[in-house]
Amino acid sequence: MAVALDAVWVRVKNVCKQNGLLILSVLAVIIGCLLGFFLRARHLSEQHPPVSRFHGAELDGEMAVEQRVSCLLGRGIRLLLSQGSAACC
């Protein structure tokens, strides 16, 4: 019985060594989701923390994070397209 438990323990350690980053990532997502649900149930303050501005972005402080990210992605794509068209001509 002890030999079987040792073999299982060795196999678990090998799996953790090979897939450690994946395991930690999945655990982080699960813990984040659980923390979010538990904190939502507590009905904390409705105040929002101040949002720091992105370097070089002329955005309102009222814009949502998704709008900021999509704006920055659009700028990056336009920049890449303009450099790509100039490079091939």
C-alpha atoms as a PDB file:
ATOM      1  CA  MET A   1       0.000   0.000   0.000  1.00  0.00           C
ATOM      2  CA  ALA A   2       2.836   2.390   0.885  1.00  0.00           C
ATOM      3  CA  VAL A   3       4.562   1.645  -2.420  1.00  0.00           C
ATOM      4  CA  ALA A   4       1.384   2.516  -4.347  1.00  0.00           C
ATOM      5  CA  LEU A   5       1.033   5.794  -2.459  1.00  0.00           C
ATOM      6  CA  ASP A   6       4.665   6.637  -3.179  1.00  0.00           C
ATOM      7  CA  ALA A   7       4.135   5.950  -6.880  1.00  0.00           C
ATOM      8  CA  VAL A   8       1.045   8.177  -6.919  1.00  0.00           C
ATOM      9  CA  TRP A   9       2.926  10.945  -5.092  1.00  0.00           C
ATOM     10  CA  VAL A  10       5.826  10.773  -7.577  1.00  0.00           C
ATOM     11  CA  ARG A  11       3.382  10.958 -10.498  1.00  0.00           C
ATOM     12  CA  VAL A  12       1.551  13.965  -8.963  1.00  0.00           C
ATOM     13  CA  LYS A  13       4.873  15.756  -8.462  1.00  0.00           C
ATOM     14  CA  ASN A  14       5.878  15.104 -12.085  1.00  0.00           C
ATOM     15  CA  VAL A  15       2.556  16.405 -13.403  1.00  0.00           C
ATOM     16  CA  CYS A  16       2.908  19.536 -11.255  1.00  0.00           C
ATOM     17  CA  LYS A  17       6.444  20.119 -12.539  1.00  0.00           C
ATOM     18  CA  GLN A  18       5.404  19.725 -16.169  1.00  0.00           C
ATOM     19  CA  ASN A  19       2.160  21.741 -15.950  1.00  0.00           C
ATOM     20  CA  GLY A  20       2.853  24.097 -13.063  1.00  0.00           C
ATOM     21  CA  LEU A  21       2.116  27.327 -14.921  1.00  0.00           C
ATOM     22  CA  LEU A  22      -1.155  25.980 -16.290  1.00  0.00           C
ATOM     23  CA  ILE A  23      -2.231  24.772 -12.872  1.00  0.00           C
ATOM     24  CA  LEU A  24      -1.404  28.128 -11.267  1.00  0.00           C
ATOM     25  CA  SER A  25      -3.252  30.008 -14.018  1.00  0.00           C
ATOM     26  CA  VAL A  26      -6.390  27.911 -13.589  1.00  0.00           C
ATOM     27  CA  LEU A  27      -6.237  28.328  -9.813  1.00  0.00           C
ATOM     28  CA  ALA A  28      -5.843  32.096 -10.185  1.00  0.00           C
ATOM     29  CA  VAL A  29      -8.918  32.292 -12.426  1.00  0.00           C
ATOM     30  CA  ILE A  30     -10.982  30.152 -10.052  1.00  0.00           C
ATOM     31  CA  ILE A  31      -9.914  32.184  -7.014  1.00  0.00           C
ATOM     32  CA  GLY A  32     -10.624  35.439  -8.867  1.00  0.00           C
ATOM     33  CA  CYS A  33     -14.112  34.296  -9.859  1.00  0.00           C
ATOM     34  CA  LEU A  34     -14.924  33.120  -6.345  1.00  0.00           C
ATOM     35  CA  LEU A  35     -13.600  36.346  -4.853  1.00  0.00           C
ATOM     36  CA  GLY A  36     -15.669  38.379  -7.311  1.00  0.00           C
ATOM     37  CA  PHE A  37     -18.880  36.534  -6.501  1.00  0.00           C
ATOM     38  CA  PHE A  38     -18.321  36.733  -2.748  1.00  0.00           C
ATOM     39  CA  LEU A  39     -17.483  40.427  -2.864  1.00  0.00           C
ATOM     40  CA  ARG A  40     -20.477  41.170  -5.088  1.00  0.00           C
ATOM     41  CA  ALA A  41     -22.747  39.575  -2.492  1.00  0.00           C
ATOM     42  CA  ARG A  42     -21.364  41.943   0.161  1.00  0.00           C
ATOM     43  CA  HIS A  43     -22.703  45.026  -1.720  1.00  0.00           C
ATOM     44  CA  LEU A  44     -19.628  47.143  -1.171  1.00  0.00           C
ATOM     45  CA  SER A  45     -19.440  50.857  -1.914  1.00  0.00           C
ATOM     46  CA  GLU A  46     -20.572  52.098  -5.304  1.00  0.00           C
ATOM     47  CA  GLN A  47     -17.645  54.514  -5.550  1.00  0.00           C
ATOM     48  CA  HIS A  48     -15.163  53.838  -8.330  1.00  0.00           C
ATOM     49  CA  PRO A  49     -11.437  54.384  -7.869  1.00  0.00           C
ATOM     50  CA  PRO A  50      -9.800  56.982 -10.088  1.00  0.00           C
ATOM     51  CA  VAL A  51      -8.664  55.543 -13.401  1.00  0.00           C
ATOM     52  CA  SER A  52      -5.117  56.302 -14.430  1.00  0.00           C
ATOM     53  CA  ARG A  53      -4.627  57.595 -17.951  1.00  0.00           C
ATOM     54  CA  PHE A  54      -2.822  55.637 -20.597  1.00  0.00           C
ATOM     55  CA  HIS A  55       0.353  57.297 -21.815  1.00  0.00           C
ATOM     56  CA  GLY A  56      -0.343  59.315 -24.926  1.00  0.00           C
ATOM     57  CA  ALA A  57      -4.090  58.689 -24.988  1.00  0.00           C
ATOM     58  CA  GLU A  58      -6.501  61.606 -25.106  1.00  0.00           C
ATOM     59  CA  LEU A  59      -9.421  59.845 -23.443  1.00  0.00           C
ATOM     60  CA  ASP A  60     -12.060  61.015 -21.009  1.00  0.00           C
ATOM     61  CA  GLY A  61     -11.907  59.718 -17.466  1.00  0.00           C
ATOM     62  CA  GLU A  62     -15.511  58.551 -17.913  1.00  0.00           C
ATOM     63  CA  MET A  63     -14.766  55.997 -20.631  1.00  0.00           C
ATOM     64  CA  ALA A  64     -15.007  52.328 -19.758  1.00  0.00           C
ATOM     65  CA  VAL A  65     -11.969  50.104 -19.820  1.00  0.00           C
ATOM     66  CA  GLU A  66     -13.288  48.229 -22.844  1.00  0.00           C
ATOM     67  CA  GLN A  67     -13.540  51.465 -24.792  1.00  0.00           C
ATOM     68  CA  ARG A  68      -9.994  52.399 -23.840  1.00  0.00           C
ATOM     69  CA  VAL A  69      -8.627  49.035 -24.870  1.00  0.00           C
ATOM     70  CA  SER A  70     -10.492  49.032 -28.172  1.00  0.00           C
ATOM     71  CA  CYS A  71      -9.299  52.576 -28.864  1.00  0.00           C
ATOM     72  CA  LEU A  72      -5.691  51.612 -28.210  1.00  0.00           C
ATOM     73  CA  LEU A  73      -6.025  48.466 -30.326  1.00  0.00           C
ATOM     74  CA  GLY A  74      -7.468  50.523 -33.171  1.00  0.00           C
ATOM     75  CA  ARG A  75      -4.563  52.951 -32.960  1.00  0.00           C
ATOM     76  CA  GLY A  76      -2.077  50.088 -32.972  1.00  0.00           C
ATOM     77  CA  ILE A  77      -3.709  48.463 -35.991  1.00  0.00           C
ATOM     78  CA  ARG A  78      -3.767  51.775 -37.881  1.00  0.00           C
ATOM     79  CA  LEU A  79      -0.106  52.300 -37.054  1.00  0.00           C
ATOM     80  CA  LEU A  80       0.813  48.808 -38.251  1.00  0.00           C
ATOM     81  CA  LEU A  81      -1.196  49.213 -41.448  1.00  0.00           C
ATOM     82  CA  SER A  82       0.374  52.582 -42.200  1.00  0.00           C
ATOM     83  CA  GLN A  83       3.876  51.199 -41.637  1.00  0.00           C
ATOM     84  CA  GLY A  84       3.110  48.084 -43.668  1.00  0.00           C
ATOM     85  CA  SER A  85       1.801  50.041 -46.645  1.00  0.00           C
ATOM     86  CA  ALA A  86       4.785  52.378 -46.561  1.00  0.00           C
ATOM     87  CA  ALA A  87       7.209  49.454 -46.367  1.00  0.00           C
ATOM     88  CA  CYS A  88       5.845  47.679 -49.446  1.00  0.00           C
ATOM     89  CA  CYS A  89       5.776  50.745 -51.704  1.00  0.00           C
END
